Amino acid sequence: MNAQVKPNYYTDYHVHLQDSATVQLGYRMMKAFHLKATKMDSLCFDADTIIKRLDKAKFYSAWIISNAYWFGSPVTPVQNEYEEVKKQNDWIAAQAARYPDRLKAFMSVNPLKPYAIGEIERCAATKRFTGLKLHFANSKVNLFDKVQLKQLQKVFAVANKYNLLLLVHFRSSEKWDGAANTEILIKQILPFAKNTKVVIAHMAGWGGYDRQTDKALSLIAAYLHSDKSPHLYLDISATFPLGSDKDHTKSIKGRVTWHPLTALKKQIKNIGTDHIVFGTDWPLIDIDTYVKVLDENLGRQTAQQILNTRVTAN
């Protein structure tokens, strides 16, 4: 059962800030992924911005995520890469330090880079960070590459050593085998982080909801029910809107046989809301708007239970 949490103690578990360097790199990244920029992509967001939106929604806290992994992405190479990565991690720590009770800083790195372990240890030594964000898609992670897999095991182990919470964008590409990738995650990566908590972003997807994400969640639900990992969670950020009509499977007679919302609600019931946390992926969407979306699609009771779920460091 979820602990009863006062409304002003709700948390947004997935928030991005943007400084001027991130904004500039963001345009290059969107161009590389053939995405159209919005007005929000041109703005800088600091700690004051996040506190104002938390207050407006009557939320208390947020996990704020460093965009350092952007600067280590092979998609958008930058000069003086590691120096830029350190600047981003230090900046997010400084922003969190302005509101230490309400904002928790998450460092980030491309886990495949030679400096990844050293940067995690450098940041952990400062005691200014609550956790580590990894983005498998942005970092071009391939779990079927044995060298990369070994490196990821080392990264999870060092996060475990320093008791860093892990927030992981797990899905690595559009053409992705949800079952096969999740089996590797469960059997070969999560055992290296037994003593810390791991949150899988976007309900194991990368926005929206499709059949491959559903397959991933089926394995995660079974894993959670095996009692092997009470420290595994998912965040529901960017899951809605669920996707286009192509995600609706129809039989020969035209009858819909698989529907994203029906499938997602079934997986939420299987997993249990005590292992699902609220997140917006700000600036993608704001708190009040996304809470309303969850209310309308999942029902008020389920949405409230998700809002009540909390993840804290051991």
Protein backbone atom coordinates (compact mmCIF):
# COMPACT_ATOMS: atom_id res chain seq x y z
CA MET A 1 0.00 0.00 0.00
CA ASN A 2 1.15 3.53 -0.70
CA ALA A 3 1.89 5.75 2.27
CA GLN A 4 -0.52 8.67 2.53
CA VAL A 5 1.31 11.76 1.39
CA LYS A 6 0.18 15.32 2.00
CA PRO A 7 -0.52 17.20 -1.26
CA ASN A 8 2.34 19.62 -0.70
CA TYR A 9 4.75 16.69 -0.52
CA TYR A 10 4.15 15.46 -4.06
CA THR A 11 7.24 15.14 -6.25
CA ASP A 12 7.86 15.56 -9.96
CA TYR A 13 10.43 12.82 -10.55
CA HIS A 14 11.49 13.83 -14.06
CA VAL A 15 12.46 17.47 -14.69
CA HIS A 16 14.98 19.00 -17.09
CA LEU A 17 16.55 22.43 -16.62
CA GLN A 18 18.10 24.35 -19.51
CA ASP A 19 21.01 26.78 -19.53
CA SER A 20 22.14 28.63 -22.65
CA ALA A 21 24.61 25.89 -23.63
CA THR A 22 21.87 23.26 -23.47
CA VAL A 23 19.53 25.38 -25.57
CA GLN A 24 22.16 25.78 -28.30
CA LEU A 25 23.00 22.08 -28.34
CA GLY A 26 19.32 21.20 -28.21
CA TYR A 27 18.69 22.77 -31.60
CA ARG A 28 21.45 20.65 -33.12
CA MET A 29 20.02 17.55 -31.49
CA MET A 30 16.48 18.18 -32.73
CA LYS A 31 17.81 18.72 -36.23
CA ALA A 32 19.69 15.42 -36.04
CA PHE A 33 16.50 13.61 -34.97
CA HIS A 34 14.33 15.52 -37.50
CA LEU A 35 12.28 17.15 -34.75
CA LYS A 36 10.66 20.57 -34.88
CA ALA A 37 11.69 23.06 -32.21
CA THR A 38 9.08 24.78 -30.05
CA LYS A 39 9.14 28.04 -28.14
CA MET A 40 9.96 26.12 -24.94
CA ASP A 41 13.14 24.78 -26.54
CA SER A 42 14.51 28.31 -26.84
CA LEU A 43 14.07 29.24 -23.17
CA CYS A 44 16.36 28.78 -20.18
CA PHE A 45 14.92 27.20 -17.03
CA ASP A 46 16.70 27.46 -13.70
CA ALA A 47 15.85 26.51 -10.12
CA ASP A 48 13.56 29.52 -9.67
CA THR A 49 11.49 28.41 -12.69
CA ILE A 50 11.00 24.96 -11.22
CA ILE A 51 10.12 26.20 -7.75
CA LYS A 52 7.47 28.52 -9.20
CA ARG A 53 5.82 25.70 -11.13
CA LEU A 54 5.99 23.40 -8.09
CA ASP A 55 4.31 26.06 -5.95
CA LYS A 56 1.63 26.66 -8.59
CA ALA A 57 0.76 22.95 -8.63
CA LYS A 58 1.11 22.60 -4.83
CA PHE A 59 3.95 20.11 -5.26
CA TYR A 60 6.86 20.15 -2.86
CA SER A 61 9.88 18.76 -4.68
CA ALA A 62 11.47 17.68 -7.95
CA TRP A 63 14.32 15.61 -9.29
CA ILE A 64 16.26 17.93 -11.59
CA ILE A 65 18.35 16.24 -14.24
CA SER A 66 21.66 17.33 -15.69
CA ASN A 67 21.79 17.49 -19.49
CA ALA A 68 25.47 16.52 -19.44
CA TYR A 69 24.73 13.30 -21.33
CA TRP A 70 23.70 15.45 -24.31
CA PHE A 71 27.27 16.73 -24.51
CA GLY A 72 28.58 13.16 -24.60
CA SER A 73 26.18 11.97 -27.27
CA PRO A 74 27.64 10.65 -30.54
CA VAL A 75 24.68 12.31 -32.25
CA THR A 76 25.95 15.82 -31.50
CA PRO A 77 29.72 15.82 -30.88
CA VAL A 78 31.12 18.92 -29.15
CA GLN A 79 34.57 20.34 -28.59
CA ASN A 80 36.14 19.94 -25.14
CA GLU A 81 33.49 17.32 -24.44
CA TYR A 82 34.43 16.26 -20.94
CA GLU A 83 34.86 19.85 -19.77
CA GLU A 84 31.35 20.62 -21.03
CA VAL A 85 30.00 17.52 -19.28
CA LYS A 86 31.53 18.62 -15.99
CA LYS A 87 30.11 22.14 -16.40
CA GLN A 88 26.61 20.77 -16.87
CA ASN A 89 26.82 18.49 -13.85
CA ASP A 90 28.25 21.24 -11.67
CA TRP A 91 25.54 23.65 -12.85
CA ILE A 92 22.70 21.30 -11.92
CA ALA A 93 24.24 20.75 -8.49
CA ALA A 94 24.45 24.51 -7.96
CA GLN A 95 20.79 24.91 -8.92
CA ALA A 96 19.68 22.21 -6.49
CA ALA A 97 21.78 23.78 -3.74
CA ARG A 98 19.64 26.92 -3.92
CA TYR A 99 16.64 24.92 -2.65
CA PRO A 100 18.25 21.90 -0.97
CA ASP A 101 15.07 20.62 0.68
CA ARG A 102 13.03 20.77 -2.51
CA LEU A 103 15.33 20.06 -5.46
CA LYS A 104 17.44 16.91 -5.81
CA ALA A 105 20.26 16.96 -8.36
CA PHE A 106 20.90 14.10 -10.78
CA MET A 107 24.25 14.05 -12.54
CA SER A 108 24.39 12.45 -15.98
CA VAL A 109 26.92 10.95 -18.37
CA ASN A 110 27.08 8.89 -21.51
CA PRO A 111 27.90 5.62 -19.70
CA LEU A 112 30.03 4.36 -22.60
CA LYS A 113 32.56 7.20 -22.45
CA PRO A 114 36.07 6.57 -21.03
CA TYR A 115 35.51 9.32 -18.46
CA ALA A 116 32.10 8.02 -17.29
CA ILE A 117 33.23 6.21 -14.13
CA GLY A 118 35.59 9.01 -13.16
CA GLU A 119 32.89 11.64 -13.60
CA ILE A 120 30.40 9.71 -11.49
CA GLU A 121 33.00 9.37 -8.74
CA ARG A 122 33.94 13.06 -9.00
CA CYS A 123 30.33 14.13 -8.62
CA ALA A 124 29.57 11.60 -5.88
CA ALA A 125 32.54 12.83 -3.83
CA THR A 126 30.97 16.31 -3.64
CA LYS A 127 27.90 14.93 -1.80
CA ARG A 128 25.78 17.33 -3.88
CA PHE A 129 23.95 14.70 -5.94
CA THR A 130 21.06 12.41 -5.13
CA GLY A 131 21.32 10.30 -8.24
CA LEU A 132 22.55 9.50 -11.73
CA LYS A 133 20.59 9.80 -14.99
CA LEU A 134 21.43 7.51 -17.92
CA HIS A 135 19.86 7.82 -21.37
CA PHE A 136 20.43 4.69 -23.44
CA ALA A 137 18.95 6.14 -26.66
CA ASN A 138 20.88 9.40 -26.59
CA SER A 139 24.09 7.52 -25.76
CA LYS A 140 23.49 4.91 -28.49
CA VAL A 141 23.66 1.99 -26.06
CA ASN A 142 23.51 -1.51 -27.53
CA LEU A 143 22.84 -4.13 -24.86
CA PHE A 144 23.81 -6.92 -27.26
CA ASP A 145 27.37 -5.60 -27.46
CA LYS A 146 29.31 -7.48 -24.76
CA VAL A 147 31.87 -4.69 -24.32
CA GLN A 148 29.14 -2.11 -23.79
CA LEU A 149 27.26 -4.42 -21.45
CA LYS A 150 30.35 -4.86 -19.29
CA GLN A 151 30.80 -1.10 -19.13
CA LEU A 152 27.18 -0.62 -18.08
CA GLN A 153 27.65 -3.16 -15.31
CA LYS A 154 30.56 -1.08 -14.02
CA VAL A 155 28.47 2.09 -14.14
CA PHE A 156 25.61 0.50 -12.21
CA ALA A 157 28.10 -0.89 -9.70
CA VAL A 158 29.67 2.50 -9.03
CA ALA A 159 26.23 4.08 -8.60
CA ASN A 160 25.44 1.31 -6.14
CA LYS A 161 28.73 1.92 -4.30
CA TYR A 162 27.90 5.59 -3.73
CA ASN A 163 24.20 4.93 -3.01
CA LEU A 164 23.11 7.02 -5.98
CA LEU A 165 19.54 6.63 -7.16
CA LEU A 166 19.43 5.64 -10.82
CA LEU A 167 17.01 7.18 -13.31
CA VAL A 168 17.32 5.30 -16.60
CA HIS A 169 15.85 6.03 -20.02
CA PHE A 170 16.01 2.38 -20.95
CA ARG A 171 14.57 2.14 -24.46
CA SER A 172 17.41 2.68 -26.89
CA SER A 173 15.77 2.88 -30.32
CA GLU A 174 12.48 2.72 -32.21
CA LYS A 175 13.37 -0.71 -33.61
CA TRP A 176 13.81 -2.37 -30.25
CA ASP A 177 12.95 -5.79 -28.91
CA GLY A 178 11.19 -5.06 -25.62
CA ALA A 179 11.42 -8.60 -24.29
CA ALA A 180 15.04 -9.31 -25.25
CA ASN A 181 16.37 -5.97 -23.99
CA THR A 182 14.44 -6.20 -20.74
CA GLU A 183 15.72 -9.70 -20.08
CA ILE A 184 19.29 -8.38 -20.32
CA LEU A 185 18.43 -5.48 -18.02
CA ILE A 186 16.93 -7.77 -15.39
CA LYS A 187 19.46 -10.59 -15.51
CA GLN A 188 22.72 -8.85 -16.35
CA ILE A 189 22.50 -5.19 -15.26
CA LEU A 190 20.17 -4.73 -12.30
CA PRO A 191 22.09 -7.24 -10.13
CA PHE A 192 24.93 -4.68 -10.07
CA ALA A 193 22.68 -2.17 -8.29
CA LYS A 194 21.14 -4.34 -5.58
CA ASN A 195 21.49 -1.82 -2.77
CA THR A 196 20.16 1.30 -4.45
CA LYS A 197 16.90 2.19 -6.19
CA VAL A 198 16.42 2.20 -9.96
CA VAL A 199 13.67 4.14 -11.72
CA ILE A 200 12.98 3.24 -15.36
CA ALA A 201 11.75 6.33 -17.21
CA HIS A 202 8.64 6.60 -19.39
CA MET A 203 7.20 3.22 -18.30
CA ALA A 204 10.16 1.54 -20.06
CA GLY A 205 9.44 3.35 -23.33
CA TRP A 206 10.64 6.64 -24.81
CA GLY A 207 7.34 8.45 -25.05
CA GLY A 208 3.94 7.10 -25.94
CA TYR A 209 3.07 3.44 -25.59
CA ASP A 210 3.40 0.57 -28.08
CA ARG A 211 3.62 -3.21 -28.25
CA GLN A 212 7.36 -3.37 -27.55
CA THR A 213 7.00 -1.22 -24.42
CA ASP A 214 4.13 -3.46 -23.34
CA LYS A 215 6.35 -6.54 -23.73
CA ALA A 216 9.04 -4.87 -21.62
CA LEU A 217 6.53 -4.09 -18.87
CA SER A 218 5.28 -7.67 -18.82
CA LEU A 219 8.76 -8.88 -17.87
CA ILE A 220 9.24 -6.06 -15.38
CA ALA A 221 5.93 -6.91 -13.70
CA ALA A 222 6.94 -10.56 -13.39
CA TYR A 223 10.30 -9.51 -11.99
CA LEU A 224 8.71 -7.29 -9.36
CA HIS A 225 6.34 -10.06 -8.32
CA SER A 226 9.28 -12.43 -7.89
CA ASP A 227 10.34 -10.30 -4.86
CA LYS A 228 13.86 -10.02 -6.27
CA SER A 229 13.83 -6.26 -6.54
CA PRO A 230 11.78 -4.12 -4.17
CA HIS A 231 14.05 -1.27 -5.31
CA LEU A 232 12.80 -1.10 -8.93
CA TYR A 233 10.32 1.60 -10.02
CA LEU A 234 8.97 3.18 -13.18
CA ASP A 235 8.05 6.78 -13.91
CA ILE A 236 5.04 7.59 -16.05
CA SER A 237 6.48 10.74 -17.64
CA ALA A 238 5.88 11.26 -21.39
CA THR A 239 3.74 8.12 -21.61
CA PHE A 240 0.74 10.23 -22.66
CA PRO A 241 -0.28 10.87 -25.38
CA LEU A 242 -0.05 7.15 -26.05
CA GLY A 243 0.62 7.23 -29.77
CA SER A 244 -0.94 7.19 -33.21
CA ASP A 245 -3.49 4.86 -34.77
CA LYS A 246 -0.69 2.59 -35.99
CA ASP A 247 -0.40 1.31 -32.41
CA HIS A 248 -3.92 -0.14 -32.58
CA THR A 249 -3.80 -3.72 -33.81
CA LYS A 250 -6.73 -4.84 -35.96
CA SER A 251 -7.80 -8.29 -37.07
CA ILE A 252 -8.74 -9.20 -40.63
CA LYS A 253 -12.35 -8.25 -39.92
CA GLY A 254 -11.27 -4.83 -38.70
CA ARG A 255 -11.90 -5.43 -35.01
CA VAL A 256 -9.39 -3.77 -32.66
CA THR A 257 -7.54 -6.53 -30.79
CA TRP A 258 -4.93 -4.45 -29.00
CA HIS A 259 -5.38 -0.94 -27.69
CA PRO A 260 -2.59 1.09 -26.02
CA LEU A 261 -4.67 2.48 -23.14
CA THR A 262 -6.27 -0.85 -22.30
CA ALA A 263 -2.86 -2.54 -22.38
CA LEU A 264 -1.23 0.17 -20.25
CA LYS A 265 -3.96 0.05 -17.60
CA LYS A 266 -3.57 -3.71 -17.40
CA GLN A 267 0.20 -3.38 -16.90
CA ILE A 268 -0.25 -0.72 -14.21
CA LYS A 269 -2.57 -3.10 -12.37
CA ASN A 270 -0.06 -5.94 -12.75
CA ILE A 271 2.89 -3.85 -11.57
CA GLY A 272 1.09 -2.01 -8.79
CA THR A 273 1.03 1.76 -8.33
CA ASP A 274 3.43 1.46 -5.40
CA HIS A 275 6.15 0.95 -8.03
CA ILE A 276 5.09 3.80 -10.34
CA VAL A 277 5.98 7.46 -9.75
CA PHE A 278 4.78 10.71 -11.27
CA GLY A 279 6.93 12.70 -13.67
CA THR A 280 6.35 15.28 -16.39
CA ASP A 281 9.60 15.32 -18.38
CA TRP A 282 9.37 19.11 -18.09
CA PRO A 283 9.50 21.23 -20.23
CA LEU A 284 7.54 18.67 -22.29
CA ILE A 285 4.39 19.29 -20.21
CA ASP A 286 3.51 21.03 -16.95
CA ILE A 287 2.32 19.41 -13.73
CA ASP A 288 -1.34 20.44 -13.63
CA THR A 289 -1.88 19.51 -17.27
CA TYR A 290 -0.31 16.08 -16.90
CA VAL A 291 -2.16 15.29 -13.66
CA LYS A 292 -5.39 16.06 -15.53
CA VAL A 293 -4.32 13.74 -18.38
CA LEU A 294 -3.67 10.91 -15.91
CA ASP A 295 -7.01 11.53 -14.17
CA GLU A 296 -8.89 11.36 -17.48
CA ASN A 297 -7.12 8.27 -18.81
CA LEU A 298 -6.36 6.18 -15.73
CA GLY A 299 -9.07 7.36 -13.36
CA ARG A 300 -8.67 9.62 -10.35
CA GLN A 301 -7.98 6.83 -7.88
CA THR A 302 -5.10 5.34 -9.88
CA ALA A 303 -3.65 8.77 -10.64
CA GLN A 304 -3.79 9.67 -6.96
CA GLN A 305 -2.02 6.47 -5.97
CA ILE A 306 0.78 7.25 -8.43
CA LEU A 307 1.09 10.76 -7.01
CA ASN A 308 1.40 9.26 -3.53
CA THR A 309 4.27 6.92 -4.44
CA ARG A 310 7.63 8.18 -3.20
CA VAL A 311 11.22 7.19 -3.91
CA THR A 312 13.97 8.29 -1.56
CA ALA A 313 17.61 7.38 -1.12
CA ASN A 314 18.37 4.52 1.25
